[in-house]
Amino acid sequence: MPKRFIKRYMPTPEKIRAMKSLHFLGDVLHEPNLWHINRHAVCRAFLIGVFFCFIPMPFQMVAAGFFAIWFNANLPLSIALVWISNPLTMPPMFYFNYKVGAWLLGRPVLNFEFHLSWQWLSERLLDIGVPLYVGSVVLGVVCACISYLVIQFLWRRKVRSDWGKRRGLREGSRPLGRPTK
């Protein structure tokens, strides 16, 4: 895995602990596994971050951070992965989630135009909201599990490859036989 790349862009635990806005968390941020880049912490971070990027809710990063702390996952990576759903990707992602939810619930896909008003929200909330959240949860779980398994596979493959290279270097540097006198 690109461990050096991730470490380069990830804030250090000391920088995070120095932020005054996070002092209310106390000793929670002192857990070492929240900052380590190892297979288990990174895989859990992908599971959490990818799941919450599919859920249409405010403060996705806060929810991902809470669950990263709870499940002892890599905290910065969990929060960063939530940004897969950003202002550019949200409309197509959430529309696809809505279509999947409508298909799963056996409802027709409604043709609608979004109007930011309380009247539109109150009239359409159940018609659109239920299929949207059903599709979001189903796709979030599926994509999160797939990302977890893919990261597990890639990490293990990289470790096996590195072991093979080291073994080849060790065997190549050994003398082939006993020297004769």
Protein backbone atom coordinates (compact mmCIF):
# COMPACT_ATOMS: atom_id res chain seq x y z
CA MET A 1 0.00 0.00 0.00
CA PRO A 2 1.17 3.56 -0.52
CA LYS A 3 2.05 3.98 3.14
CA ARG A 4 4.54 6.82 2.58
CA PHE A 5 2.03 8.72 0.42
CA ILE A 6 -0.66 8.50 3.09
CA LYS A 7 1.77 9.51 5.85
CA ARG A 8 2.94 12.52 3.86
CA TYR A 9 -0.54 14.08 3.68
CA MET A 10 -1.94 12.91 7.00
CA PRO A 11 -1.72 15.32 9.94
CA THR A 12 0.42 14.18 12.82
CA PRO A 13 -1.25 13.23 16.11
CA GLU A 14 0.57 16.14 17.77
CA LYS A 15 -1.00 18.64 15.35
CA ILE A 16 -4.45 17.21 15.99
CA ARG A 17 -3.95 17.23 19.78
CA ALA A 18 -2.79 20.86 19.61
CA MET A 19 -6.09 21.98 18.04
CA LYS A 20 -8.03 23.77 20.75
CA SER A 21 -11.37 22.95 19.14
CA LEU A 22 -10.77 19.23 19.80
CA HIS A 23 -9.79 19.47 23.48
CA PHE A 24 -13.29 18.42 24.54
CA LEU A 25 -12.42 14.88 23.39
CA GLY A 26 -9.82 14.55 26.13
CA ASP A 27 -7.66 11.41 25.98
CA VAL A 28 -9.66 9.79 23.19
CA LEU A 29 -7.25 11.14 20.58
CA HIS A 30 -4.29 9.53 22.38
CA GLU A 31 -5.27 6.04 21.16
CA PRO A 32 -2.34 5.04 18.91
CA ASN A 33 -4.35 2.93 16.47
CA LEU A 34 -6.34 6.00 15.41
CA TRP A 35 -3.16 7.28 13.77
CA HIS A 36 -1.28 4.15 12.72
CA ILE A 37 -1.26 3.03 9.15
CA ASN A 38 -1.60 -0.71 9.41
CA ARG A 39 -3.81 -3.14 7.56
CA HIS A 40 -6.51 -3.38 10.19
CA ALA A 41 -6.85 0.35 10.89
CA VAL A 42 -6.82 1.27 7.20
CA CYS A 43 -9.34 -1.41 6.21
CA ARG A 44 -11.70 -0.30 8.96
CA ALA A 45 -11.23 3.32 7.86
CA PHE A 46 -12.27 2.40 4.32
CA LEU A 47 -15.27 0.53 5.66
CA ILE A 48 -16.43 3.51 7.70
CA GLY A 49 -15.52 6.31 5.29
CA VAL A 50 -17.02 4.70 2.21
CA PHE A 51 -20.22 3.80 4.06
CA PHE A 52 -20.79 7.35 5.30
CA CYS A 53 -20.01 8.91 1.92
CA PHE A 54 -23.14 7.18 0.59
CA ILE A 55 -25.44 8.37 3.40
CA PRO A 56 -27.16 11.70 2.68
CA MET A 57 -26.91 13.43 6.02
CA PRO A 58 -25.39 16.59 7.41
CA PHE A 59 -22.09 16.26 9.25
CA GLN A 60 -20.99 13.02 7.59
CA MET A 61 -17.43 13.68 8.75
CA VAL A 62 -18.52 13.86 12.40
CA ALA A 63 -20.32 10.52 12.11
CA ALA A 64 -17.33 8.94 10.36
CA GLY A 65 -15.00 10.30 13.04
CA PHE A 66 -17.19 8.98 15.85
CA PHE A 67 -17.34 5.50 14.32
CA ALA A 68 -13.60 5.56 13.55
CA ILE A 69 -12.93 6.20 17.23
CA TRP A 70 -15.45 3.58 18.29
CA PHE A 71 -14.08 0.86 15.96
CA ASN A 72 -10.44 1.90 16.40
CA ALA A 73 -9.96 2.75 12.72
CA ASN A 74 -7.56 5.26 11.21
CA LEU A 75 -9.29 8.54 12.04
CA PRO A 76 -7.92 10.92 9.38
CA LEU A 77 -8.45 8.40 6.60
CA SER A 78 -12.03 7.70 7.70
CA ILE A 79 -12.83 11.38 7.62
CA ALA A 80 -11.06 11.99 4.31
CA LEU A 81 -12.89 9.14 2.57
CA VAL A 82 -16.23 10.78 3.31
CA TRP A 83 -15.24 13.41 0.75
CA ILE A 84 -15.82 10.92 -2.05
CA SER A 85 -19.27 12.46 -1.93
CA ASN A 86 -18.47 16.10 -2.50
CA PRO A 87 -20.60 18.85 -4.06
CA LEU A 88 -19.68 17.59 -7.55
CA THR A 89 -20.37 13.90 -6.97
CA MET A 90 -23.38 14.17 -4.64
CA PRO A 91 -26.11 14.77 -7.22
CA PRO A 92 -25.31 11.75 -9.42
CA MET A 93 -24.54 9.53 -6.41
CA PHE A 94 -27.72 10.37 -4.55
CA TYR A 95 -29.86 10.14 -7.67
CA PHE A 96 -28.45 6.67 -8.33
CA ASN A 97 -29.10 5.79 -4.66
CA TYR A 98 -32.69 6.97 -5.09
CA LYS A 99 -33.15 4.86 -8.23
CA VAL A 100 -31.74 1.76 -6.51
CA GLY A 101 -33.97 2.36 -3.47
CA ALA A 102 -37.04 2.82 -5.66
CA TRP A 103 -36.19 -0.40 -7.51
CA LEU A 104 -35.70 -2.30 -4.23
CA LEU A 105 -38.99 -1.02 -2.85
CA GLY A 106 -40.86 -1.69 -6.10
CA ARG A 107 -41.79 1.97 -6.55
CA PRO A 108 -41.70 3.86 -9.81
CA VAL A 109 -38.93 6.40 -10.24
CA LEU A 110 -40.55 9.81 -10.01
CA ASN A 111 -39.69 12.59 -12.40
CA PHE A 112 -39.28 15.63 -10.20
CA GLU A 113 -37.65 19.01 -10.12
CA PHE A 114 -36.01 20.06 -6.91
CA HIS A 115 -37.21 23.30 -5.34
CA LEU A 116 -35.58 24.46 -2.16
CA SER A 117 -38.69 25.29 -0.16
CA TRP A 118 -40.45 23.89 2.92
CA GLN A 119 -43.57 23.17 0.88
CA TRP A 120 -41.69 21.04 -1.66
CA LEU A 121 -39.79 19.21 1.10
CA SER A 122 -42.93 18.47 3.10
CA GLU A 123 -44.82 17.20 0.04
CA ARG A 124 -42.01 15.05 -1.39
CA LEU A 125 -40.10 13.93 1.70
CA LEU A 126 -41.70 10.48 1.97
CA ASP A 127 -41.96 9.92 -1.79
CA ILE A 128 -38.29 10.61 -2.35
CA GLY A 129 -36.70 10.26 1.08
CA VAL A 130 -37.56 6.64 1.80
CA PRO A 131 -36.21 5.23 -1.49
CA LEU A 132 -33.19 7.54 -1.23
CA TYR A 133 -32.23 6.28 2.23
CA VAL A 134 -32.95 2.63 1.44
CA GLY A 135 -30.77 2.83 -1.66
CA SER A 136 -28.10 4.80 0.21
CA VAL A 137 -27.84 2.28 3.04
CA VAL A 138 -27.80 -0.72 0.69
CA LEU A 139 -25.19 0.79 -1.64
CA GLY A 140 -23.20 2.12 1.32
CA VAL A 141 -23.00 -1.33 2.90
CA VAL A 142 -22.15 -3.05 -0.39
CA CYS A 143 -19.48 -0.55 -1.44
CA ALA A 144 -18.00 -0.35 2.06
CA CYS A 145 -17.68 -4.14 2.27
CA ILE A 146 -16.16 -4.32 -1.20
CA SER A 147 -13.65 -1.58 -0.35
CA TYR A 148 -12.76 -3.36 2.90
CA LEU A 149 -12.11 -6.64 1.08
CA VAL A 150 -10.19 -4.97 -1.77
CA ILE A 151 -7.89 -3.14 0.65
CA GLN A 152 -7.33 -6.38 2.61
CA PHE A 153 -6.45 -8.20 -0.62
CA LEU A 154 -4.15 -5.46 -1.96
CA TRP A 155 -2.37 -5.03 1.36
CA ARG A 156 -1.73 -8.77 1.71
CA ARG A 157 -0.59 -9.02 -1.91
CA LYS A 158 1.88 -6.19 -1.35
CA VAL A 159 3.24 -7.84 1.82
CA ARG A 160 3.66 -11.18 0.01
CA SER A 161 5.41 -9.43 -2.87
CA ASP A 162 7.79 -7.65 -0.50
CA TRP A 163 8.55 -10.92 1.31
CA GLY A 164 9.29 -12.59 -2.01
CA LYS A 165 11.65 -9.79 -3.03
CA ARG A 166 13.50 -9.92 0.29
CA ARG A 167 13.77 -13.71 0.10
CA GLY A 168 15.16 -13.43 -3.41
CA LEU A 169 17.71 -10.87 -2.30
CA ARG A 170 18.77 -13.04 0.64
CA GLU A 171 19.12 -16.15 -1.52
CA GLY A 172 20.98 -14.25 -4.20
CA SER A 173 23.56 -12.91 -1.77
CA ARG A 174 24.38 -16.29 -0.16
CA PRO A 175 27.30 -18.31 -1.42
CA LEU A 176 26.07 -21.32 -3.33
CA GLY A 177 28.29 -23.94 -1.79
CA ARG A 178 31.01 -24.51 0.70
CA PRO A 179 34.31 -23.12 -0.38
CA THR A 180 36.93 -25.82 -0.83
CA LYS A 181 40.44 -25.59 0.65
